[in-house]
């Protein structure tokens, strides 16, 4: 059997991403979760780097960028498919290098 694929992507009233999958599953993703779990090399390095100062080891990527917007201000501006295996997400903080494999999207979010 083929792995499930997105059949519909939409932002809900709270600006959270909702993906409907080909197997009937529906998942909701907060912008903060997607931004903090960004799989690009830069974000992975920042998440894995030793923290200095008052930040904790589990601080999100957004908190590691002191000059950037507050995490609750970041929005999704665009999403586009990358082949048949992933989506690229553009965030309002200018970040657009993360490619989210479908497998990662299935792991993130909460069931609706």
N, C-alpha and C. Protein backbone atom coordinates (compact mmCIF):
# COMPACT_ATOMS: atom_id res chain seq x y z
N UNK A 1 0.84 -1.19 0.00
CA UNK A 1 0.00 0.00 0.00
C UNK A 1 0.89 1.25 0.00
N UNK A 2 0.48 2.26 -0.73
CA UNK A 2 1.24 3.50 -0.81
C UNK A 2 1.09 4.31 0.47
N UNK A 3 2.12 5.08 0.79
CA UNK A 3 2.07 5.96 1.96
C UNK A 3 1.04 7.06 1.70
N UNK A 4 0.34 7.50 2.76
CA UNK A 4 -0.66 8.56 2.59
C UNK A 4 -0.02 9.85 2.08
N UNK A 5 -0.77 10.59 1.30
CA UNK A 5 -0.33 11.88 0.78
C UNK A 5 -1.38 12.94 1.09
N UNK A 6 -0.98 14.20 1.17
CA UNK A 6 -1.95 15.27 1.41
C UNK A 6 -2.91 15.41 0.23
N UNK A 7 -4.20 15.58 0.55
CA UNK A 7 -5.20 15.84 -0.49
C UNK A 7 -5.76 17.25 -0.36
N UNK A 8 -5.56 17.89 0.82
CA UNK A 8 -6.02 19.25 1.02
C UNK A 8 -5.18 19.90 2.12
N UNK A 9 -4.74 21.13 1.86
CA UNK A 9 -4.02 21.92 2.85
C UNK A 9 -4.78 23.24 3.01
N UNK A 10 -4.99 23.67 4.26
CA UNK A 10 -5.71 24.93 4.49
C UNK A 10 -5.28 25.51 5.83
N UNK A 11 -5.40 26.83 5.94
CA UNK A 11 -5.21 27.50 7.22
C UNK A 11 -6.58 27.68 7.85
N UNK A 12 -6.71 27.31 9.13
CA UNK A 12 -7.99 27.48 9.81
C UNK A 12 -8.12 28.89 10.36
N UNK A 13 -9.17 29.15 11.11
CA UNK A 13 -9.45 30.49 11.63
C UNK A 13 -8.34 31.01 12.53
N UNK A 14 -7.62 30.11 13.21
CA UNK A 14 -6.51 30.51 14.09
C UNK A 14 -5.18 30.54 13.34
N UNK A 15 -5.23 30.45 12.01
CA UNK A 15 -4.03 30.46 11.17
C UNK A 15 -3.15 29.24 11.39
N UNK A 16 -3.76 28.15 11.85
CA UNK A 16 -3.04 26.89 11.97
C UNK A 16 -3.26 26.09 10.69
N UNK A 17 -2.24 25.32 10.32
CA UNK A 17 -2.31 24.51 9.11
C UNK A 17 -3.10 23.24 9.40
N UNK A 18 -4.03 22.91 8.52
CA UNK A 18 -4.77 21.66 8.61
C UNK A 18 -4.51 20.89 7.31
N UNK A 19 -4.03 19.66 7.46
CA UNK A 19 -3.79 18.81 6.29
C UNK A 19 -4.74 17.63 6.36
N UNK A 20 -5.44 17.40 5.26
CA UNK A 20 -6.25 16.20 5.09
C UNK A 20 -5.43 15.24 4.23
N UNK A 21 -5.33 14.00 4.71
CA UNK A 21 -4.50 12.99 4.05
C UNK A 21 -5.36 12.00 3.27
N UNK A 22 -4.74 11.33 2.31
CA UNK A 22 -5.45 10.41 1.42
C UNK A 22 -6.06 9.22 2.15
N UNK A 23 -5.60 8.93 3.37
CA UNK A 23 -6.18 7.82 4.13
C UNK A 23 -7.30 8.29 5.05
N UNK A 24 -7.72 9.55 4.91
CA UNK A 24 -8.82 10.08 5.71
C UNK A 24 -8.39 10.79 6.98
N UNK A 25 -7.12 10.69 7.35
CA UNK A 25 -6.64 11.37 8.56
C UNK A 25 -6.62 12.88 8.33
N UNK A 26 -6.86 13.62 9.41
CA UNK A 26 -6.73 15.09 9.40
C UNK A 26 -5.84 15.47 10.56
N UNK A 27 -4.85 16.33 10.28
CA UNK A 27 -3.93 16.77 11.33
C UNK A 27 -3.84 18.29 11.31
N UNK A 28 -3.71 18.87 12.52
CA UNK A 28 -3.58 20.31 12.69
C UNK A 28 -2.18 20.61 13.21
N UNK A 29 -1.54 21.65 12.65
CA UNK A 29 -0.17 22.02 12.98
C UNK A 29 -0.14 23.49 13.37
N UNK A 30 0.47 23.77 14.50
CA UNK A 30 0.66 25.18 14.85
C UNK A 30 1.85 25.70 14.05
N UNK A 31 1.83 26.98 13.75
CA UNK A 31 2.94 27.59 13.03
C UNK A 31 4.21 27.46 13.85
N UNK A 32 4.08 27.66 15.15
CA UNK A 32 5.26 27.56 16.03
C UNK A 32 5.89 26.17 15.94
N UNK A 33 5.07 25.13 15.99
CA UNK A 33 5.61 23.77 15.90
C UNK A 33 6.36 23.56 14.59
N UNK A 34 5.75 23.96 13.48
CA UNK A 34 6.40 23.78 12.19
C UNK A 34 7.71 24.57 12.12
N UNK A 35 7.69 25.81 12.61
CA UNK A 35 8.90 26.64 12.55
C UNK A 35 10.00 26.06 13.43
N UNK A 36 9.64 25.59 14.64
CA UNK A 36 10.64 25.05 15.55
C UNK A 36 11.16 23.69 15.12
N UNK A 37 10.39 22.95 14.36
CA UNK A 37 10.81 21.62 13.88
C UNK A 37 11.37 21.69 12.46
N UNK A 38 11.66 22.88 11.98
CA UNK A 38 12.18 23.04 10.63
C UNK A 38 13.37 22.10 10.42
N UNK A 39 13.33 21.31 9.34
CA UNK A 39 14.39 20.33 9.11
C UNK A 39 15.61 20.85 8.36
N UNK A 40 15.68 22.16 8.07
CA UNK A 40 16.84 22.65 7.31
C UNK A 40 18.11 22.56 8.15
N UNK A 41 19.25 22.59 7.49
CA UNK A 41 20.53 22.44 8.18
C UNK A 41 20.77 23.55 9.20
N UNK A 42 20.43 24.77 8.87
CA UNK A 42 20.65 25.89 9.79
C UNK A 42 19.85 25.70 11.07
N UNK A 43 18.58 25.36 10.95
CA UNK A 43 17.75 25.17 12.15
C UNK A 43 18.20 23.96 12.96
N UNK A 44 18.57 22.87 12.28
CA UNK A 44 19.08 21.70 13.02
C UNK A 44 20.32 22.06 13.81
N UNK A 45 21.23 22.82 13.20
CA UNK A 45 22.45 23.24 13.91
C UNK A 45 22.11 24.11 15.12
N UNK A 46 21.19 25.04 14.96
CA UNK A 46 20.82 25.92 16.09
C UNK A 46 20.16 25.13 17.21
N UNK A 47 19.33 24.13 16.85
CA UNK A 47 18.69 23.31 17.89
C UNK A 47 19.71 22.47 18.64
N UNK A 48 20.74 22.02 17.94
CA UNK A 48 21.72 21.12 18.54
C UNK A 48 22.91 21.82 19.16
N UNK A 49 23.04 23.12 18.95
CA UNK A 49 24.18 23.87 19.49
C UNK A 49 24.02 24.05 21.00
N UNK A 50 25.13 24.02 21.76
CA UNK A 50 25.04 24.30 23.20
C UNK A 50 24.52 25.72 23.41
N UNK A 51 23.61 25.87 24.35
CA UNK A 51 23.02 27.17 24.62
C UNK A 51 23.88 27.96 25.59
N UNK A 52 23.89 29.26 25.40
CA UNK A 52 24.61 30.14 26.30
C UNK A 52 23.61 31.09 26.94
N UNK A 53 23.94 31.56 28.10
CA UNK A 53 23.07 32.52 28.78
C UNK A 53 21.87 31.85 29.41
N UNK A 54 20.76 32.58 29.56
CA UNK A 54 19.61 32.07 30.29
C UNK A 54 18.77 31.07 29.52
N UNK A 55 19.09 30.81 28.25
CA UNK A 55 18.28 29.89 27.47
C UNK A 55 18.52 28.46 27.94
N UNK A 56 17.52 27.61 27.75
CA UNK A 56 17.64 26.21 28.13
C UNK A 56 17.94 25.37 26.90
N UNK A 57 18.36 24.15 27.13
CA UNK A 57 18.71 23.27 26.03
C UNK A 57 17.52 22.98 25.13
N UNK A 58 16.30 23.06 25.66
CA UNK A 58 15.15 22.75 24.83
C UNK A 58 14.49 23.99 24.26
N UNK A 59 15.19 25.12 24.29
CA UNK A 59 14.62 26.35 23.71
C UNK A 59 14.40 26.14 22.22
N UNK A 60 13.30 26.68 21.74
CA UNK A 60 12.99 26.56 20.33
C UNK A 60 13.87 27.46 19.48
N UNK A 61 13.91 27.17 18.21
CA UNK A 61 14.73 27.94 17.27
C UNK A 61 14.33 29.41 17.30
N UNK A 62 13.05 29.69 17.40
CA UNK A 62 12.61 31.09 17.38
C UNK A 62 13.19 31.88 18.55
N UNK A 63 13.29 31.27 19.73
CA UNK A 63 13.86 31.97 20.87
C UNK A 63 15.36 32.18 20.71
N UNK A 64 15.99 31.42 19.86
CA UNK A 64 17.43 31.55 19.66
C UNK A 64 17.77 32.71 18.73
N UNK A 65 16.77 33.30 18.13
CA UNK A 65 16.97 34.40 17.21
C UNK A 65 16.46 35.68 17.85
N UNK A 66 17.28 36.34 18.69
CA UNK A 66 16.80 37.47 19.48
C UNK A 66 16.30 38.65 18.66
N UNK A 67 16.79 38.84 17.45
CA UNK A 67 16.36 39.98 16.66
C UNK A 67 15.11 39.68 15.85
N UNK A 68 14.67 38.45 15.85
CA UNK A 68 13.51 38.06 15.04
C UNK A 68 12.20 38.34 15.74
N UNK A 69 11.11 38.05 15.06
CA UNK A 69 9.79 38.27 15.64
C UNK A 69 9.52 37.31 16.78
N UNK A 70 8.56 37.67 17.63
CA UNK A 70 8.15 36.76 18.69
C UNK A 70 7.51 35.53 18.05
N UNK A 71 7.65 34.36 18.69
CA UNK A 71 7.10 33.13 18.11
C UNK A 71 5.62 33.22 17.77
N UNK A 72 4.84 33.95 18.57
CA UNK A 72 3.41 34.01 18.30
C UNK A 72 3.06 34.97 17.16
N UNK A 73 4.05 35.64 16.60
CA UNK A 73 3.81 36.56 15.49
C UNK A 73 4.14 35.95 14.13
N UNK A 74 4.83 34.84 14.11
CA UNK A 74 5.22 34.20 12.85
C UNK A 74 4.01 33.50 12.24
N UNK A 75 3.86 33.65 10.94
CA UNK A 75 2.76 33.02 10.21
C UNK A 75 3.30 32.25 9.01
N UNK A 76 2.48 31.38 8.46
CA UNK A 76 2.81 30.70 7.21
C UNK A 76 2.37 31.61 6.08
N UNK A 77 3.29 31.92 5.18
CA UNK A 77 2.96 32.75 4.03
C UNK A 77 2.67 31.93 2.78
N UNK A 78 3.35 30.78 2.64
CA UNK A 78 3.14 29.95 1.46
C UNK A 78 3.65 28.54 1.72
N UNK A 79 3.09 27.60 0.98
CA UNK A 79 3.56 26.21 0.97
C UNK A 79 3.54 25.74 -0.47
N UNK A 80 4.56 25.00 -0.84
CA UNK A 80 4.57 24.46 -2.19
C UNK A 80 5.16 23.06 -2.17
N UNK A 81 4.63 22.18 -3.03
CA UNK A 81 5.14 20.81 -3.06
C UNK A 81 6.56 20.76 -3.61
N UNK A 82 7.31 19.81 -3.07
CA UNK A 82 8.66 19.51 -3.56
C UNK A 82 8.58 18.07 -4.05
N UNK A 83 8.51 17.91 -5.34
CA UNK A 83 8.32 16.57 -5.89
C UNK A 83 7.05 15.96 -5.34
N UNK A 84 7.10 14.66 -5.09
CA UNK A 84 5.95 13.95 -4.52
C UNK A 84 6.26 13.51 -3.10
N UNK A 85 7.26 14.15 -2.46
CA UNK A 85 7.70 13.64 -1.17
C UNK A 85 7.75 14.67 -0.06
N UNK A 86 7.53 15.96 -0.34
CA UNK A 86 7.72 16.97 0.69
C UNK A 86 7.01 18.28 0.33
N UNK A 87 7.02 19.21 1.31
CA UNK A 87 6.53 20.57 1.09
C UNK A 87 7.57 21.55 1.59
N UNK A 88 7.70 22.63 0.87
CA UNK A 88 8.52 23.76 1.29
C UNK A 88 7.58 24.77 1.93
N UNK A 89 8.00 25.35 3.06
CA UNK A 89 7.16 26.31 3.77
C UNK A 89 7.89 27.64 3.84
N UNK A 90 7.18 28.71 3.53
CA UNK A 90 7.71 30.06 3.67
C UNK A 90 7.02 30.70 4.86
N UNK A 91 7.82 31.18 5.83
CA UNK A 91 7.30 31.80 7.04
C UNK A 91 7.43 33.32 6.95
N UNK A 92 6.61 34.02 7.71
CA UNK A 92 6.62 35.49 7.69
C UNK A 92 7.90 36.08 8.28
N UNK A 93 8.70 35.28 8.97
CA UNK A 93 9.98 35.80 9.47
C UNK A 93 11.08 35.72 8.40
N UNK A 94 10.68 35.34 7.18
CA UNK A 94 11.62 35.28 6.06
C UNK A 94 12.25 33.92 5.85
N UNK A 95 12.02 32.99 6.76
CA UNK A 95 12.64 31.67 6.65
C UNK A 95 11.90 30.84 5.61
N UNK A 96 12.65 30.25 4.67
CA UNK A 96 12.01 29.46 3.61
C UNK A 96 12.86 28.30 3.11
N UNK A 97 13.83 27.87 3.90
CA UNK A 97 14.73 26.82 3.42
C UNK A 97 14.37 25.43 3.92
N UNK A 98 13.35 25.31 4.75
CA UNK A 98 12.97 24.00 5.25
C UNK A 98 12.14 23.23 4.25
N UNK A 99 12.52 21.98 4.03
CA UNK A 99 11.74 21.07 3.19
C UNK A 99 11.22 19.98 4.12
N UNK A 100 9.91 19.93 4.29
CA UNK A 100 9.27 19.02 5.24
C UNK A 100 8.82 17.75 4.52
N UNK A 101 9.54 16.64 4.71
CA UNK A 101 9.11 15.37 4.11
C UNK A 101 7.73 14.99 4.63
N UNK A 102 6.96 14.30 3.80
CA UNK A 102 5.62 13.89 4.20
C UNK A 102 5.66 13.06 5.47
N UNK A 103 6.69 12.23 5.64
CA UNK A 103 6.80 11.41 6.85
C UNK A 103 6.89 12.30 8.09
N UNK A 104 7.63 13.39 8.01
CA UNK A 104 7.73 14.31 9.16
C UNK A 104 6.39 14.98 9.42
N UNK A 105 5.71 15.39 8.38
CA UNK A 105 4.40 16.03 8.56
C UNK A 105 3.41 15.07 9.22
N UNK A 106 3.51 13.79 8.91
CA UNK A 106 2.62 12.80 9.54
C UNK A 106 2.94 12.64 11.03
N UNK A 107 4.20 12.85 11.42
CA UNK A 107 4.59 12.73 12.82
C UNK A 107 4.21 13.96 13.64
N UNK A 108 4.26 15.12 13.03
CA UNK A 108 3.97 16.38 13.73
C UNK A 108 2.47 16.61 13.81
N UNK A 109 2.10 17.65 14.55
CA UNK A 109 0.70 18.05 14.62
C UNK A 109 -0.12 17.15 15.53
N UNK A 110 -1.40 17.45 15.54
CA UNK A 110 -2.34 16.67 16.35
C UNK A 110 -3.51 16.24 15.47
N UNK A 111 -4.10 15.13 15.82
CA UNK A 111 -5.24 14.61 15.08
C UNK A 111 -6.45 15.51 15.31
N UNK A 112 -7.15 15.80 14.23
CA UNK A 112 -8.36 16.62 14.30
C UNK A 112 -9.56 15.70 14.25
